[in-house]
Amino acid sequence: MEEIGMPFERKFDRRDRFGGPREMHDAVCSDCGQTTQVPFKPKADRPVYCRDCYQKHKKF
């Protein structure tokens, strides 16, 4: 994915706003059941998607 000429991995390189490593949390994709990691603590009442499923649900 490219947005404003910057690749997804580079734009969101798992660093917090202070430049340190971002804490990642294990989660299970609500669509396909694949395990994934997300940069936020998942909540039981909100769906979590892996990268591929997120692209399907993303609204432009």
N, C-alpha and C. Protein backbone atom coordinates (compact mmCIF):
# COMPACT_ATOMS: atom_id res chain seq x y z
N MET A 1 0.85 -1.18 0.00
CA MET A 1 0.00 0.00 0.00
C MET A 1 0.88 1.23 0.00
N GLU A 2 0.58 2.16 -0.85
CA GLU A 2 1.33 3.40 -0.85
C GLU A 2 0.39 4.56 -0.66
N GLU A 3 0.82 5.48 0.16
CA GLU A 3 0.03 6.68 0.41
C GLU A 3 1.03 7.81 0.59
N ILE A 4 0.90 8.82 -0.18
CA ILE A 4 1.80 9.96 -0.14
C ILE A 4 3.24 9.49 -0.38
N GLY A 5 3.41 8.52 -1.29
CA GLY A 5 4.73 8.07 -1.69
C GLY A 5 5.53 7.32 -0.63
N MET A 6 4.89 6.84 0.40
CA MET A 6 5.61 6.16 1.47
C MET A 6 5.03 4.75 1.65
N PRO A 7 5.85 3.70 1.55
CA PRO A 7 5.33 2.34 1.72
C PRO A 7 4.73 2.13 3.11
N PHE A 8 3.75 1.23 3.18
CA PHE A 8 3.04 0.95 4.44
C PHE A 8 4.01 0.60 5.56
N GLU A 9 4.95 -0.32 5.29
CA GLU A 9 5.85 -0.76 6.34
C GLU A 9 6.73 0.38 6.86
N ARG A 10 7.11 1.28 5.99
CA ARG A 10 7.96 2.39 6.42
C ARG A 10 7.16 3.44 7.17
N LYS A 11 5.97 3.72 6.70
CA LYS A 11 5.14 4.74 7.35
C LYS A 11 4.75 4.30 8.76
N PHE A 12 4.42 3.03 8.91
CA PHE A 12 4.01 2.48 10.20
C PHE A 12 5.04 1.44 10.62
N ASP A 13 6.19 1.90 11.08
CA ASP A 13 7.29 0.98 11.33
C ASP A 13 7.34 0.47 12.77
N ARG A 14 6.22 0.44 13.43
CA ARG A 14 6.10 -0.12 14.78
C ARG A 14 6.91 0.65 15.81
N ARG A 15 6.91 1.94 15.70
CA ARG A 15 7.56 2.79 16.70
C ARG A 15 6.49 3.67 17.32
N ASP A 16 6.66 3.95 18.60
CA ASP A 16 5.71 4.84 19.25
C ASP A 16 6.08 6.29 18.93
N ARG A 17 5.33 7.22 19.45
CA ARG A 17 5.56 8.63 19.10
C ARG A 17 6.85 9.18 19.68
N PHE A 18 7.49 8.44 20.57
CA PHE A 18 8.76 8.88 21.14
C PHE A 18 9.95 8.21 20.46
N GLY A 19 9.72 7.43 19.42
CA GLY A 19 10.79 6.81 18.67
C GLY A 19 11.20 5.43 19.13
N GLY A 20 10.63 4.96 20.23
CA GLY A 20 10.96 3.63 20.74
C GLY A 20 10.13 2.56 20.05
N PRO A 21 10.46 1.29 20.28
CA PRO A 21 9.67 0.21 19.68
C PRO A 21 8.24 0.23 20.19
N ARG A 22 7.32 -0.06 19.32
CA ARG A 22 5.91 -0.07 19.67
C ARG A 22 5.53 -1.43 20.24
N GLU A 23 4.75 -1.44 21.30
CA GLU A 23 4.30 -2.70 21.89
C GLU A 23 3.25 -3.32 20.99
N MET A 24 3.46 -4.56 20.59
CA MET A 24 2.53 -5.27 19.72
C MET A 24 1.78 -6.30 20.56
N HIS A 25 0.52 -6.54 20.18
CA HIS A 25 -0.34 -7.48 20.90
C HIS A 25 -0.82 -8.57 19.94
N ASP A 26 -0.83 -9.79 20.43
CA ASP A 26 -1.34 -10.91 19.63
C ASP A 26 -2.85 -10.82 19.54
N ALA A 27 -3.37 -11.20 18.37
CA ALA A 27 -4.81 -11.18 18.14
C ALA A 27 -5.15 -12.25 17.10
N VAL A 28 -6.43 -12.56 17.01
CA VAL A 28 -6.92 -13.50 16.00
C VAL A 28 -7.85 -12.72 15.08
N CYS A 29 -7.62 -12.82 13.78
CA CYS A 29 -8.44 -12.10 12.80
C CYS A 29 -9.90 -12.53 12.91
N SER A 30 -10.78 -11.55 12.96
CA SER A 30 -12.22 -11.82 13.09
C SER A 30 -12.81 -12.45 11.83
N ASP A 31 -12.14 -12.31 10.68
CA ASP A 31 -12.64 -12.89 9.44
C ASP A 31 -12.08 -14.28 9.16
N CYS A 32 -10.76 -14.39 9.08
CA CYS A 32 -10.16 -15.64 8.62
C CYS A 32 -9.60 -16.51 9.74
N GLY A 33 -9.49 -15.98 10.96
CA GLY A 33 -9.00 -16.76 12.09
C GLY A 33 -7.48 -16.85 12.18
N GLN A 34 -6.78 -16.18 11.29
CA GLN A 34 -5.31 -16.17 11.30
C GLN A 34 -4.80 -15.37 12.49
N THR A 35 -3.71 -15.84 13.11
CA THR A 35 -3.12 -15.06 14.19
C THR A 35 -2.35 -13.89 13.58
N THR A 36 -2.38 -12.77 14.26
CA THR A 36 -1.73 -11.56 13.79
C THR A 36 -1.28 -10.74 14.98
N GLN A 37 -0.55 -9.69 14.73
CA GLN A 37 -0.16 -8.77 15.79
C GLN A 37 -0.65 -7.38 15.42
N VAL A 38 -1.12 -6.66 16.43
CA VAL A 38 -1.65 -5.31 16.23
C VAL A 38 -1.00 -4.37 17.24
N PRO A 39 -0.90 -3.08 16.90
CA PRO A 39 -0.24 -2.11 17.78
C PRO A 39 -1.15 -1.53 18.85
N PHE A 40 -2.22 -2.23 19.17
CA PHE A 40 -3.15 -1.78 20.21
C PHE A 40 -3.67 -3.01 20.95
N LYS A 41 -4.18 -2.80 22.14
CA LYS A 41 -4.73 -3.91 22.92
C LYS A 41 -6.14 -4.19 22.40
N PRO A 42 -6.37 -5.36 21.82
CA PRO A 42 -7.69 -5.68 21.27
C PRO A 42 -8.77 -5.71 22.35
N LYS A 43 -9.97 -5.27 21.98
CA LYS A 43 -11.12 -5.32 22.87
C LYS A 43 -12.07 -6.40 22.37
N ALA A 44 -12.69 -7.10 23.29
CA ALA A 44 -13.57 -8.22 22.93
C ALA A 44 -14.76 -7.78 22.09
N ASP A 45 -15.22 -6.54 22.24
CA ASP A 45 -16.41 -6.08 21.53
C ASP A 45 -16.11 -5.43 20.17
N ARG A 46 -14.84 -5.42 19.75
CA ARG A 46 -14.45 -4.82 18.47
C ARG A 46 -13.71 -5.84 17.62
N PRO A 47 -14.00 -5.92 16.32
CA PRO A 47 -13.29 -6.88 15.47
C PRO A 47 -11.84 -6.45 15.24
N VAL A 48 -10.99 -7.44 15.04
CA VAL A 48 -9.59 -7.22 14.69
C VAL A 48 -9.34 -8.00 13.41
N TYR A 49 -8.63 -7.39 12.46
CA TYR A 49 -8.38 -8.02 11.17
C TYR A 49 -6.88 -8.14 10.90
N CYS A 50 -6.50 -9.21 10.21
CA CYS A 50 -5.13 -9.34 9.73
C CYS A 50 -4.96 -8.33 8.59
N ARG A 51 -3.76 -8.18 8.10
CA ARG A 51 -3.49 -7.18 7.06
C ARG A 51 -4.35 -7.41 5.81
N ASP A 52 -4.46 -8.66 5.35
CA ASP A 52 -5.23 -8.95 4.14
C ASP A 52 -6.71 -8.65 4.33
N CYS A 53 -7.29 -9.09 5.44
CA CYS A 53 -8.72 -8.85 5.69
C CYS A 53 -8.99 -7.37 5.95
N TYR A 54 -8.05 -6.68 6.58
CA TYR A 54 -8.22 -5.25 6.82
C TYR A 54 -8.37 -4.51 5.50
N GLN A 55 -7.58 -4.91 4.51
CA GLN A 55 -7.67 -4.26 3.20
C GLN A 55 -9.06 -4.44 2.58
N LYS A 56 -9.69 -5.58 2.83
CA LYS A 56 -11.04 -5.83 2.31
C LYS A 56 -12.08 -4.96 3.00
N HIS A 57 -11.87 -4.66 4.27
CA HIS A 57 -12.85 -3.90 5.05
C HIS A 57 -12.60 -2.40 5.04
N LYS A 58 -11.41 -2.00 4.63
CA LYS A 58 -11.02 -0.59 4.67
C LYS A 58 -11.90 0.23 3.73
N LYS A 59 -12.37 1.34 4.24
CA LYS A 59 -13.20 2.24 3.43
C LYS A 59 -12.33 3.40 2.96
N PHE A 60 -12.49 3.76 1.71
CA PHE A 60 -11.69 4.85 1.15
C PHE A 60 -12.39 6.15 1.27
